Amino acid sequence: MQIFKEELIQFNKKATDWKNAIKIASKPLLKNGYINENFVPNLISETKRLGPYYILAPNLALGHISPDGSCLKEGLSLLFLEQVVPFKNDGTGDVKFLFILSTTDQDSHLNLLKELALAFGNSDFYKEFYNVKNYADIKKLVEKHLKVKK
């Protein structure tokens, strides 16, 4: 699965607030040339303007923005937060797993989104995702619950 690339995943990180969580989650994308330095401020600005429109399910978010030139290639990072971080003030937007999507156009990322839907649409996968501690755990979880093309 392309949604779980080891070099783009971080475990057990602390974030002081939602903006800090976005910054931390985006670091592997920046380091590996998926995004430029404008991406994070743009995502934070869009979140302030629109609210956290990218919360998909309890504790699960997929931060992204419309292609604006700050995304250099398609990619998906994942941050496992040590503690949930509120993205909304009303208690309905707590996030523990923060994906950040880099996409250069309106269509190229659709396969990544299909993979995300396949993974997190599986309730057993989603429940067991809370127990993941490292990349080996992710690989085992994918092998157990999802059909992986070899």
C-alpha atoms as a PDB file:
ATOM      1  CA  MET A   1       0.000   0.000   0.000  1.00  0.00           C
ATOM      2  CA  GLN A   2       1.283   3.426  -0.919  1.00  0.00           C
ATOM      3  CA  ILE A   3      -0.357   5.110   2.060  1.00  0.00           C
ATOM      4  CA  PHE A   4       2.168   3.717   4.528  1.00  0.00           C
ATOM      5  CA  LYS A   5       5.683   4.690   3.436  1.00  0.00           C
ATOM      6  CA  GLU A   6       8.093   4.193   6.306  1.00  0.00           C
ATOM      7  CA  GLU A   7      10.079   7.406   5.684  1.00  0.00           C
ATOM      8  CA  LEU A   8       6.884   9.462   5.905  1.00  0.00           C
ATOM      9  CA  ILE A   9       5.609   8.085   9.237  1.00  0.00           C
ATOM     10  CA  GLN A  10       6.342   9.429  12.723  1.00  0.00           C
ATOM     11  CA  PHE A  11       5.367   7.795  16.009  1.00  0.00           C
ATOM     12  CA  ASN A  12       4.563   9.043  19.504  1.00  0.00           C
ATOM     13  CA  LYS A  13       5.060  12.715  18.915  1.00  0.00           C
ATOM     14  CA  LYS A  14       3.738  15.469  21.158  1.00  0.00           C
ATOM     15  CA  ALA A  15       2.052  18.530  19.721  1.00  0.00           C
ATOM     16  CA  THR A  16       1.167  21.659  21.638  1.00  0.00           C
ATOM     17  CA  ASP A  17      -1.860  22.456  19.451  1.00  0.00           C
ATOM     18  CA  TRP A  18      -3.344  21.716  16.021  1.00  0.00           C
ATOM     19  CA  LYS A  19      -0.982  24.111  14.224  1.00  0.00           C
ATOM     20  CA  ASN A  20       2.031  22.417  15.792  1.00  0.00           C
ATOM     21  CA  ALA A  21       0.590  18.998  14.867  1.00  0.00           C
ATOM     22  CA  ILE A  22       0.330  20.091  11.212  1.00  0.00           C
ATOM     23  CA  LYS A  23       3.931  21.344  11.277  1.00  0.00           C
ATOM     24  CA  ILE A  24       5.232  18.101  12.784  1.00  0.00           C
ATOM     25  CA  ALA A  25       3.163  15.882  10.482  1.00  0.00           C
ATOM     26  CA  SER A  26       4.395  17.775   7.409  1.00  0.00           C
ATOM     27  CA  LYS A  27       8.117  17.547   8.238  1.00  0.00           C
ATOM     28  CA  PRO A  28       8.768  14.232   6.436  1.00  0.00           C
ATOM     29  CA  LEU A  29       7.056  15.578   3.303  1.00  0.00           C
ATOM     30  CA  LEU A  30       9.226  18.692   3.366  1.00  0.00           C
ATOM     31  CA  LYS A  31      12.413  16.741   4.121  1.00  0.00           C
ATOM     32  CA  ASN A  32      11.761  14.295   1.262  1.00  0.00           C
ATOM     33  CA  GLY A  33      10.846  16.919  -1.331  1.00  0.00           C
ATOM     34  CA  TYR A  34       7.084  16.341  -1.545  1.00  0.00           C
ATOM     35  CA  ILE A  35       6.185  19.896  -0.490  1.00  0.00           C
ATOM     36  CA  ASN A  36       7.899  23.263  -0.258  1.00  0.00           C
ATOM     37  CA  GLU A  37       8.023  25.693   2.681  1.00  0.00           C
ATOM     38  CA  ASN A  38       4.736  27.352   1.665  1.00  0.00           C
ATOM     39  CA  PHE A  39       2.591  24.266   2.228  1.00  0.00           C
ATOM     40  CA  VAL A  40       2.321  24.375   6.035  1.00  0.00           C
ATOM     41  CA  PRO A  41       1.377  28.075   6.290  1.00  0.00           C
ATOM     42  CA  ASN A  42      -1.161  27.549   3.500  1.00  0.00           C
ATOM     43  CA  LEU A  43      -2.745  24.551   5.265  1.00  0.00           C
ATOM     44  CA  ILE A  44      -2.871  26.434   8.572  1.00  0.00           C
ATOM     45  CA  SER A  45      -4.447  29.425   6.830  1.00  0.00           C
ATOM     46  CA  GLU A  46      -7.085  27.242   5.146  1.00  0.00           C
ATOM     47  CA  THR A  47      -7.854  25.534   8.459  1.00  0.00           C
ATOM     48  CA  LYS A  48      -8.358  28.901  10.147  1.00  0.00           C
ATOM     49  CA  ARG A  49     -10.578  30.039   7.280  1.00  0.00           C
ATOM     50  CA  LEU A  50     -12.685  26.893   6.814  1.00  0.00           C
ATOM     51  CA  GLY A  51     -12.248  24.952  10.036  1.00  0.00           C
ATOM     52  CA  PRO A  52     -10.788  21.433  10.122  1.00  0.00           C
ATOM     53  CA  TYR A  53     -12.734  20.239   7.065  1.00  0.00           C
ATOM     54  CA  TYR A  54     -10.414  17.251   6.774  1.00  0.00           C
ATOM     55  CA  ILE A  55     -11.433  15.343   9.912  1.00  0.00           C
ATOM     56  CA  LEU A  56     -12.625  12.016   8.510  1.00  0.00           C
ATOM     57  CA  ALA A  57     -13.601  10.049  11.613  1.00  0.00           C
ATOM     58  CA  PRO A  58     -13.013  10.136  15.369  1.00  0.00           C
ATOM     59  CA  ASN A  59      -9.289  10.751  15.937  1.00  0.00           C
ATOM     60  CA  LEU A  60      -8.517  10.577  12.197  1.00  0.00           C
ATOM     61  CA  ALA A  61      -7.698  13.541   9.944  1.00  0.00           C
ATOM     62  CA  LEU A  62      -6.348  14.025   6.429  1.00  0.00           C
ATOM     63  CA  GLY A  63      -4.870  17.503   6.194  1.00  0.00           C
ATOM     64  CA  HIS A  64      -4.742  18.781   2.631  1.00  0.00           C
ATOM     65  CA  ILE A  65      -5.198  21.845   0.462  1.00  0.00           C
ATOM     66  CA  SER A  66      -6.127  22.408  -3.152  1.00  0.00           C
ATOM     67  CA  PRO A  67      -3.113  22.307  -5.451  1.00  0.00           C
ATOM     68  CA  ASP A  68      -1.440  25.711  -5.206  1.00  0.00           C
ATOM     69  CA  GLY A  69       2.155  25.081  -6.236  1.00  0.00           C
ATOM     70  CA  SER A  70       3.360  24.185  -2.723  1.00  0.00           C
ATOM     71  CA  CYS A  71       3.017  20.452  -3.436  1.00  0.00           C
ATOM     72  CA  LEU A  72       5.849  19.132  -5.579  1.00  0.00           C
ATOM     73  CA  LYS A  73       4.830  15.477  -5.841  1.00  0.00           C
ATOM     74  CA  GLU A  74       2.145  13.129  -4.597  1.00  0.00           C
ATOM     75  CA  GLY A  75       2.678  11.807  -1.097  1.00  0.00           C
ATOM     76  CA  LEU A  76       1.088  11.063   2.233  1.00  0.00           C
ATOM     77  CA  SER A  77       2.689  11.451   5.647  1.00  0.00           C
ATOM     78  CA  LEU A  78       1.297  10.085   8.899  1.00  0.00           C
ATOM     79  CA  LEU A  79       1.774  11.329  12.441  1.00  0.00           C
ATOM     80  CA  PHE A  80       0.803   9.172  15.411  1.00  0.00           C
ATOM     81  CA  LEU A  81       0.233  11.673  18.201  1.00  0.00           C
ATOM     82  CA  GLU A  82       1.097  10.671  21.747  1.00  0.00           C
ATOM     83  CA  GLN A  83      -2.081  12.385  22.964  1.00  0.00           C
ATOM     84  CA  VAL A  84      -5.109  13.593  21.077  1.00  0.00           C
ATOM     85  CA  VAL A  85      -4.960  17.183  19.878  1.00  0.00           C
ATOM     86  CA  PRO A  86      -8.162  19.230  19.611  1.00  0.00           C
ATOM     87  CA  PHE A  87      -8.720  20.712  16.161  1.00  0.00           C
ATOM     88  CA  LYS A  88     -12.096  22.142  17.210  1.00  0.00           C
ATOM     89  CA  ASN A  89     -13.123  23.909  20.411  1.00  0.00           C
ATOM     90  CA  ASP A  90     -16.329  21.929  20.892  1.00  0.00           C
ATOM     91  CA  GLY A  91     -14.698  18.563  21.642  1.00  0.00           C
ATOM     92  CA  THR A  92     -15.775  16.976  18.352  1.00  0.00           C
ATOM     93  CA  GLY A  93     -12.488  17.403  16.532  1.00  0.00           C
ATOM     94  CA  ASP A  94      -9.884  15.496  18.516  1.00  0.00           C
ATOM     95  CA  VAL A  95      -7.127  13.992  16.361  1.00  0.00           C
ATOM     96  CA  LYS A  96      -4.704  11.192  17.217  1.00  0.00           C
ATOM     97  CA  PHE A  97      -3.756  10.104  13.675  1.00  0.00           C
ATOM     98  CA  LEU A  98      -2.907  12.956  11.319  1.00  0.00           C
ATOM     99  CA  PHE A  99      -2.276  12.236   7.658  1.00  0.00           C
ATOM    100  CA  ILE A 100      -1.001  15.059   5.461  1.00  0.00           C
ATOM    101  CA  LEU A 101      -1.676  14.762   1.740  1.00  0.00           C
ATOM    102  CA  SER A 102       0.516  16.364  -0.894  1.00  0.00           C
ATOM    103  CA  THR A 103      -1.061  16.452  -4.340  1.00  0.00           C
ATOM    104  CA  THR A 104      -0.094  18.340  -7.452  1.00  0.00           C
ATOM    105  CA  ASP A 105      -3.447  18.201  -9.230  1.00  0.00           C
ATOM    106  CA  GLN A 106      -7.106  17.299  -8.709  1.00  0.00           C
ATOM    107  CA  ASP A 107      -6.817  13.622  -9.725  1.00  0.00           C
ATOM    108  CA  SER A 108      -3.395  12.032  -9.141  1.00  0.00           C
ATOM    109  CA  HIS A 109      -4.039  11.348  -5.463  1.00  0.00           C
ATOM    110  CA  LEU A 110      -7.280   9.396  -5.975  1.00  0.00           C
ATOM    111  CA  ASN A 111      -5.559   6.011  -5.628  1.00  0.00           C
ATOM    112  CA  LEU A 112      -4.133   7.093  -2.262  1.00  0.00           C
ATOM    113  CA  LEU A 113      -7.623   8.103  -1.141  1.00  0.00           C
ATOM    114  CA  LYS A 114      -9.018   4.748  -2.275  1.00  0.00           C
ATOM    115  CA  GLU A 115      -6.380   2.985  -0.196  1.00  0.00           C
ATOM    116  CA  LEU A 116      -7.232   5.124   2.828  1.00  0.00           C
ATOM    117  CA  ALA A 117     -10.928   4.341   2.408  1.00  0.00           C
ATOM    118  CA  LEU A 118     -10.171   0.623   2.094  1.00  0.00           C
ATOM    119  CA  ALA A 119      -8.013   0.633   5.222  1.00  0.00           C
ATOM    120  CA  PHE A 120     -10.115   2.791   7.522  1.00  0.00           C
ATOM    121  CA  GLY A 121     -13.427   1.524   6.175  1.00  0.00           C
ATOM    122  CA  ASN A 122     -12.456  -1.797   7.749  1.00  0.00           C
ATOM    123  CA  SER A 123     -13.592  -1.458  11.379  1.00  0.00           C
ATOM    124  CA  ASP A 124     -11.180  -4.129  12.631  1.00  0.00           C
ATOM    125  CA  PHE A 125      -8.256  -2.383  10.953  1.00  0.00           C
ATOM    126  CA  TYR A 126      -9.302   0.946  12.451  1.00  0.00           C
ATOM    127  CA  LYS A 127      -9.672  -0.500  15.975  1.00  0.00           C
ATOM    128  CA  GLU A 128      -6.286  -2.210  15.811  1.00  0.00           C
ATOM    129  CA  PHE A 129      -4.647   0.923  14.387  1.00  0.00           C
ATOM    130  CA  TYR A 130      -4.784   2.366  17.920  1.00  0.00           C
ATOM    131  CA  ASN A 131      -2.278  -0.295  19.022  1.00  0.00           C
ATOM    132  CA  VAL A 132       0.332   0.457  16.359  1.00  0.00           C
ATOM    133  CA  LYS A 133       3.683   1.417  17.876  1.00  0.00           C
ATOM    134  CA  ASN A 134       6.078   1.135  14.913  1.00  0.00           C
ATOM    135  CA  TYR A 135       6.308   0.473  11.204  1.00  0.00           C
ATOM    136  CA  ALA A 136       6.461  -3.319  11.682  1.00  0.00           C
ATOM    137  CA  ASP A 137       3.057  -3.121  13.404  1.00  0.00           C
ATOM    138  CA  ILE A 138       1.623  -1.282  10.388  1.00  0.00           C
ATOM    139  CA  LYS A 139       2.951  -3.924   8.004  1.00  0.00           C
ATOM    140  CA  LYS A 140       1.407  -6.711  10.106  1.00  0.00           C
ATOM    141  CA  LEU A 141      -1.908  -4.886  10.268  1.00  0.00           C
ATOM    142  CA  VAL A 142      -1.992  -4.359   6.505  1.00  0.00           C
ATOM    143  CA  GLU A 143      -1.113  -8.009   5.867  1.00  0.00           C
ATOM    144  CA  LYS A 144      -3.796  -9.163   8.292  1.00  0.00           C
ATOM    145  CA  HIS A 145      -6.693  -7.030   7.100  1.00  0.00           C
ATOM    146  CA  LEU A 146      -6.022  -5.764   3.601  1.00  0.00           C
ATOM    147  CA  LYS A 147      -5.281  -7.421   0.305  1.00  0.00           C
ATOM    148  CA  VAL A 148      -1.918  -6.098  -0.760  1.00  0.00           C
ATOM    149  CA  LYS A 149      -0.832  -6.288  -4.391  1.00  0.00           C
ATOM    150  CA  LYS A 150       2.633  -7.794  -4.663  1.00  0.00           C
END
